[in-house]
Amino acid sequence: MNEELGIRLQAYLDGELSSRERTEIEARLAKDPELQALKSELTAIRSALIEADPVVQVPESREFYFSQIQRRIAAEDTRADSPKTPIVSWSLSLWLRRAILPLSGVAAACMMLLVSLREGTVPPLSSHEETESPMEETGAVTFRSEAQRVTIVWLYDKEVASSDTTIDDGNQ
């Protein structure tokens, strides 16, 4: 069965066909069992949809609701037509946002440029400078090589380092 025949069957069930087309579909239905199965399936679907979607009666008429909608639309139209008074605080706020936001971006870019230029002026650490750790049990030694442009920091545990340097003479 082709798709066009299925669409024509739906139109038949909805009562949208002319009398000539209706008789033609009824003749096909009498001969074609596949078309009969489709008709029974479409009929079952239609009845399920009707049962699932109950009709709700409202206390007011349709005209009542449409008149309320029309009144609200008219009220919105008159509100849109009335001249609006400018709000000073809003326009000032808008101007400030338009002026301050770009200026703050430029200021941030300038600060980043200054910080990046200042990094080159930091004096390098000497090659034998020792750095103290705020923790008493940890020590650190820093080495910087200008030729290879590298800084190495050794962190060590002072207790382990002191026990490694003691010589065990076996008298214990």
C-alpha atoms as a PDB file:
ATOM      1  CA  MET A   1       0.000   0.000   0.000  1.00  0.00           C
ATOM      2  CA  ASN A   2       1.332   3.412  -0.887  1.00  0.00           C
ATOM      3  CA  GLU A   3       1.422   6.545   1.244  1.00  0.00           C
ATOM      4  CA  GLU A   4      -1.089   8.432  -0.902  1.00  0.00           C
ATOM      5  CA  LEU A   5      -3.714   5.735  -0.334  1.00  0.00           C
ATOM      6  CA  GLY A   6      -3.127   5.951   3.434  1.00  0.00           C
ATOM      7  CA  ILE A   7      -3.624   9.731   3.344  1.00  0.00           C
ATOM      8  CA  ARG A   8      -6.816   9.325   1.315  1.00  0.00           C
ATOM      9  CA  LEU A   9      -8.071   6.786   3.903  1.00  0.00           C
ATOM     10  CA  GLN A  10      -7.425   9.322   6.684  1.00  0.00           C
ATOM     11  CA  ALA A  11      -9.351  11.937   4.707  1.00  0.00           C
ATOM     12  CA  TYR A  12     -12.180   9.385   4.283  1.00  0.00           C
ATOM     13  CA  LEU A  13     -12.339   8.757   8.046  1.00  0.00           C
ATOM     14  CA  ASP A  14     -12.348  12.516   8.711  1.00  0.00           C
ATOM     15  CA  GLY A  15     -15.208  13.012   6.211  1.00  0.00           C
ATOM     16  CA  GLU A  16     -13.170  15.241   3.917  1.00  0.00           C
ATOM     17  CA  LEU A  17     -13.690  13.378   0.601  1.00  0.00           C
ATOM     18  CA  SER A  18     -16.210  14.022  -2.138  1.00  0.00           C
ATOM     19  CA  SER A  19     -18.919  11.424  -2.775  1.00  0.00           C
ATOM     20  CA  ARG A  20     -17.078  10.007  -5.808  1.00  0.00           C
ATOM     21  CA  GLU A  21     -13.801   9.598  -3.863  1.00  0.00           C
ATOM     22  CA  ARG A  22     -15.703   8.154  -0.898  1.00  0.00           C
ATOM     23  CA  THR A  23     -17.277   5.402  -3.015  1.00  0.00           C
ATOM     24  CA  GLU A  24     -13.898   4.667  -4.568  1.00  0.00           C
ATOM     25  CA  ILE A  25     -12.264   4.223  -1.130  1.00  0.00           C
ATOM     26  CA  GLU A  26     -15.179   2.062   0.088  1.00  0.00           C
ATOM     27  CA  ALA A  27     -14.736  -0.190  -2.958  1.00  0.00           C
ATOM     28  CA  ARG A  28     -10.993  -0.507  -2.212  1.00  0.00           C
ATOM     29  CA  LEU A  29     -11.759  -1.241   1.450  1.00  0.00           C
ATOM     30  CA  ALA A  30     -14.012  -4.140   0.461  1.00  0.00           C
ATOM     31  CA  LYS A  31     -11.182  -5.791  -1.539  1.00  0.00           C
ATOM     32  CA  ASP A  32      -7.965  -4.873   0.344  1.00  0.00           C
ATOM     33  CA  PRO A  33      -7.380  -6.511   3.774  1.00  0.00           C
ATOM     34  CA  GLU A  34      -4.279  -4.354   4.403  1.00  0.00           C
ATOM     35  CA  LEU A  35      -6.378  -1.214   3.901  1.00  0.00           C
ATOM     36  CA  GLN A  36      -9.018  -2.654   6.258  1.00  0.00           C
ATOM     37  CA  ALA A  37      -6.352  -3.237   8.933  1.00  0.00           C
ATOM     38  CA  LEU A  38      -5.124   0.353   8.528  1.00  0.00           C
ATOM     39  CA  LYS A  39      -8.709   1.620   8.835  1.00  0.00           C
ATOM     40  CA  SER A  40      -9.280  -0.291  12.083  1.00  0.00           C
ATOM     41  CA  GLU A  41      -5.956   0.966  13.458  1.00  0.00           C
ATOM     42  CA  LEU A  42      -6.755   4.592  12.579  1.00  0.00           C
ATOM     43  CA  THR A  43     -10.219   4.240  14.100  1.00  0.00           C
ATOM     44  CA  ALA A  44      -8.734   2.844  17.331  1.00  0.00           C
ATOM     45  CA  ILE A  45      -6.230   5.700  17.502  1.00  0.00           C
ATOM     46  CA  ARG A  46      -8.983   8.261  16.958  1.00  0.00           C
ATOM     47  CA  SER A  47     -11.138   6.827  19.744  1.00  0.00           C
ATOM     48  CA  ALA A  48      -8.128   6.690  22.110  1.00  0.00           C
ATOM     49  CA  LEU A  49      -7.351  10.340  21.420  1.00  0.00           C
ATOM     50  CA  ILE A  50     -10.958  11.369  21.996  1.00  0.00           C
ATOM     51  CA  GLU A  51     -11.072   9.509  25.320  1.00  0.00           C
ATOM     52  CA  ALA A  52      -7.699  10.913  26.439  1.00  0.00           C
ATOM     53  CA  ASP A  53      -8.659  14.531  25.746  1.00  0.00           C
ATOM     54  CA  PRO A  54     -11.898  15.248  27.586  1.00  0.00           C
ATOM     55  CA  VAL A  55     -13.880  18.346  26.727  1.00  0.00           C
ATOM     56  CA  VAL A  56     -13.894  20.864  29.570  1.00  0.00           C
ATOM     57  CA  GLN A  57     -16.831  23.221  29.827  1.00  0.00           C
ATOM     58  CA  VAL A  58     -16.032  26.678  31.180  1.00  0.00           C
ATOM     59  CA  PRO A  59     -18.663  28.810  32.915  1.00  0.00           C
ATOM     60  CA  GLU A  60     -18.214  31.795  30.588  1.00  0.00           C
ATOM     61  CA  SER A  61     -18.750  32.026  26.839  1.00  0.00           C
ATOM     62  CA  ARG A  62     -16.027  32.323  24.239  1.00  0.00           C
ATOM     63  CA  GLU A  63     -17.023  35.928  23.571  1.00  0.00           C
ATOM     64  CA  PHE A  64     -16.376  36.823  27.200  1.00  0.00           C
ATOM     65  CA  TYR A  65     -12.782  35.591  27.032  1.00  0.00           C
ATOM     66  CA  PHE A  66     -12.136  37.169  23.642  1.00  0.00           C
ATOM     67  CA  SER A  67     -13.481  40.526  24.851  1.00  0.00           C
ATOM     68  CA  GLN A  68     -11.048  40.399  27.788  1.00  0.00           C
ATOM     69  CA  ILE A  69      -8.164  39.666  25.426  1.00  0.00           C
ATOM     70  CA  GLN A  70      -9.197  42.554  23.164  1.00  0.00           C
ATOM     71  CA  ARG A  71      -9.353  44.937  26.152  1.00  0.00           C
ATOM     72  CA  ARG A  72      -5.840  43.964  27.254  1.00  0.00           C
ATOM     73  CA  ILE A  73      -4.484  44.435  23.731  1.00  0.00           C
ATOM     74  CA  ALA A  74      -6.138  47.865  23.512  1.00  0.00           C
ATOM     75  CA  ALA A  75      -4.685  48.829  26.902  1.00  0.00           C
ATOM     76  CA  GLU A  76      -1.208  47.793  25.739  1.00  0.00           C
ATOM     77  CA  ASP A  77      -1.640  49.814  22.527  1.00  0.00           C
ATOM     78  CA  THR A  78      -2.605  52.979  24.437  1.00  0.00           C
ATOM     79  CA  ARG A  79       0.296  52.439  26.824  1.00  0.00           C
ATOM     80  CA  ALA A  80       2.675  52.088  23.864  1.00  0.00           C
ATOM     81  CA  ASP A  81       1.260  55.238  22.214  1.00  0.00           C
ATOM     82  CA  SER A  82       1.634  57.422  25.312  1.00  0.00           C
ATOM     83  CA  PRO A  83       4.841  59.509  25.390  1.00  0.00           C
ATOM     84  CA  LYS A  84       7.435  58.132  27.747  1.00  0.00           C
ATOM     85  CA  THR A  85       9.219  60.426  30.136  1.00  0.00           C
ATOM     86  CA  PRO A  86      12.953  59.856  30.145  1.00  0.00           C
ATOM     87  CA  ILE A  87      14.320  58.458  33.355  1.00  0.00           C
ATOM     88  CA  VAL A  88      17.429  60.416  34.290  1.00  0.00           C
ATOM     89  CA  SER A  89      18.968  57.740  36.456  1.00  0.00           C
ATOM     90  CA  TRP A  90      18.577  55.103  33.735  1.00  0.00           C
ATOM     91  CA  SER A  91      20.118  57.288  31.029  1.00  0.00           C
ATOM     92  CA  LEU A  92      22.965  58.263  33.372  1.00  0.00           C
ATOM     93  CA  SER A  93      23.492  54.632  34.276  1.00  0.00           C
ATOM     94  CA  LEU A  94      23.531  53.700  30.598  1.00  0.00           C
ATOM     95  CA  TRP A  95      26.065  56.430  29.830  1.00  0.00           C
ATOM     96  CA  LEU A  96      28.268  55.325  32.712  1.00  0.00           C
ATOM     97  CA  ARG A  97      28.182  51.739  31.533  1.00  0.00           C
ATOM     98  CA  ARG A  98      29.048  52.795  28.012  1.00  0.00           C
ATOM     99  CA  ALA A  99      31.955  54.951  29.191  1.00  0.00           C
ATOM    100  CA  ILE A 100      33.317  53.125  32.242  1.00  0.00           C
ATOM    101  CA  LEU A 101      33.344  49.583  30.941  1.00  0.00           C
ATOM    102  CA  PRO A 102      35.665  50.350  27.991  1.00  0.00           C
ATOM    103  CA  LEU A 103      37.850  52.568  30.182  1.00  0.00           C
ATOM    104  CA  SER A 104      38.206  49.840  32.788  1.00  0.00           C
ATOM    105  CA  GLY A 105      39.275  47.427  30.047  1.00  0.00           C
ATOM    106  CA  VAL A 106      41.931  49.864  28.860  1.00  0.00           C
ATOM    107  CA  ALA A 107      43.131  50.381  32.445  1.00  0.00           C
ATOM    108  CA  ALA A 108      43.431  46.631  32.978  1.00  0.00           C
ATOM    109  CA  ALA A 109      45.436  46.275  29.760  1.00  0.00           C
ATOM    110  CA  CYS A 110      47.780  49.089  30.863  1.00  0.00           C
ATOM    111  CA  MET A 111      48.309  47.430  34.254  1.00  0.00           C
ATOM    112  CA  MET A 112      49.168  44.133  32.579  1.00  0.00           C
ATOM    113  CA  LEU A 113      51.639  45.936  30.306  1.00  0.00           C
ATOM    114  CA  LEU A 114      53.297  47.662  33.266  1.00  0.00           C
ATOM    115  CA  VAL A 115      53.606  44.407  35.201  1.00  0.00           C
ATOM    116  CA  SER A 116      55.094  42.605  32.211  1.00  0.00           C
ATOM    117  CA  LEU A 117      57.621  45.419  31.617  1.00  0.00           C
ATOM    118  CA  ARG A 118      58.574  45.496  35.294  1.00  0.00           C
ATOM    119  CA  GLU A 119      59.418  41.779  35.349  1.00  0.00           C
ATOM    120  CA  GLY A 120      62.648  42.445  33.455  1.00  0.00           C
ATOM    121  CA  THR A 121      63.898  44.799  36.192  1.00  0.00           C
ATOM    122  CA  VAL A 122      63.840  42.231  39.027  1.00  0.00           C
ATOM    123  CA  PRO A 123      67.462  41.575  40.048  1.00  0.00           C
ATOM    124  CA  PRO A 124      68.508  37.956  39.523  1.00  0.00           C
ATOM    125  CA  LEU A 125      69.444  35.798  42.506  1.00  0.00           C
ATOM    126  CA  SER A 126      73.139  35.209  42.977  1.00  0.00           C
ATOM    127  CA  SER A 127      74.399  31.739  42.173  1.00  0.00           C
ATOM    128  CA  HIS A 128      75.168  30.826  45.813  1.00  0.00           C
ATOM    129  CA  GLU A 129      72.297  32.424  47.653  1.00  0.00           C
ATOM    130  CA  GLU A 130      70.478  30.347  50.209  1.00  0.00           C
ATOM    131  CA  THR A 131      66.765  30.812  50.856  1.00  0.00           C
ATOM    132  CA  GLU A 132      65.323  30.117  54.268  1.00  0.00           C
ATOM    133  CA  SER A 133      62.107  28.206  54.655  1.00  0.00           C
ATOM    134  CA  PRO A 134      59.519  29.358  57.191  1.00  0.00           C
ATOM    135  CA  MET A 135      59.157  25.760  58.338  1.00  0.00           C
ATOM    136  CA  GLU A 136      61.856  24.705  60.776  1.00  0.00           C
ATOM    137  CA  GLU A 137      62.111  21.113  59.591  1.00  0.00           C
ATOM    138  CA  THR A 138      62.503  21.997  55.872  1.00  0.00           C
ATOM    139  CA  GLY A 139      65.463  23.691  54.232  1.00  0.00           C
ATOM    140  CA  ALA A 140      66.054  25.060  50.732  1.00  0.00           C
ATOM    141  CA  VAL A 141      69.035  25.986  48.578  1.00  0.00           C
ATOM    142  CA  THR A 142      68.655  28.034  45.402  1.00  0.00           C
ATOM    143  CA  PHE A 143      71.034  28.020  42.415  1.00  0.00           C
ATOM    144  CA  ARG A 144      70.714  30.243  39.337  1.00  0.00           C
ATOM    145  CA  SER A 145      72.718  29.901  36.132  1.00  0.00           C
ATOM    146  CA  GLU A 146      72.604  32.989  33.905  1.00  0.00           C
ATOM    147  CA  ALA A 147      74.341  31.148  31.064  1.00  0.00           C
ATOM    148  CA  GLN A 148      71.654  28.504  30.884  1.00  0.00           C
ATOM    149  CA  ARG A 149      68.898  30.807  32.180  1.00  0.00           C
ATOM    150  CA  VAL A 150      67.714  28.350  34.796  1.00  0.00           C
ATOM    151  CA  THR A 151      66.971  28.508  38.516  1.00  0.00           C
ATOM    152  CA  ILE A 152      67.085  25.377  40.642  1.00  0.00           C
ATOM    153  CA  VAL A 153      65.662  25.187  44.155  1.00  0.00           C
ATOM    154  CA  TRP A 154      66.567  22.217  46.360  1.00  0.00           C
ATOM    155  CA  LEU A 155      64.159  21.474  49.200  1.00  0.00           C
ATOM    156  CA  TYR A 156      65.306  19.057  51.870  1.00  0.00           C
ATOM    157  CA  ASP A 157      64.253  17.738  55.236  1.00  0.00           C
ATOM    158  CA  LYS A 158      66.709  19.003  57.845  1.00  0.00           C
ATOM    159  CA  GLU A 159      66.283  15.978  60.120  1.00  0.00           C
ATOM    160  CA  VAL A 160      67.046  13.529  57.315  1.00  0.00           C
ATOM    161  CA  ALA A 161      70.008  15.602  56.161  1.00  0.00           C
ATOM    162  CA  SER A 162      71.458  15.741  59.701  1.00  0.00           C
ATOM    163  CA  SER A 163      71.048  11.976  60.215  1.00  0.00           C
ATOM    164  CA  ASP A 164      72.708  11.252  56.832  1.00  0.00           C
ATOM    165  CA  THR A 165      75.812  13.248  57.771  1.00  0.00           C
ATOM    166  CA  THR A 166      76.396  11.440  61.089  1.00  0.00           C
ATOM    167  CA  ILE A 167      78.843   8.580  60.830  1.00  0.00           C
ATOM    168  CA  ASP A 168      77.871   5.345  62.431  1.00  0.00           C
ATOM    169  CA  ASP A 169      81.001   3.899  64.001  1.00  0.00           C
ATOM    170  CA  GLY A 170      79.295   0.720  65.156  1.00  0.00           C
ATOM    171  CA  ASN A 171      79.793   1.351  68.913  1.00  0.00           C
ATOM    172  CA  GLN A 172      76.102   1.207  69.702  1.00  0.00           C
END
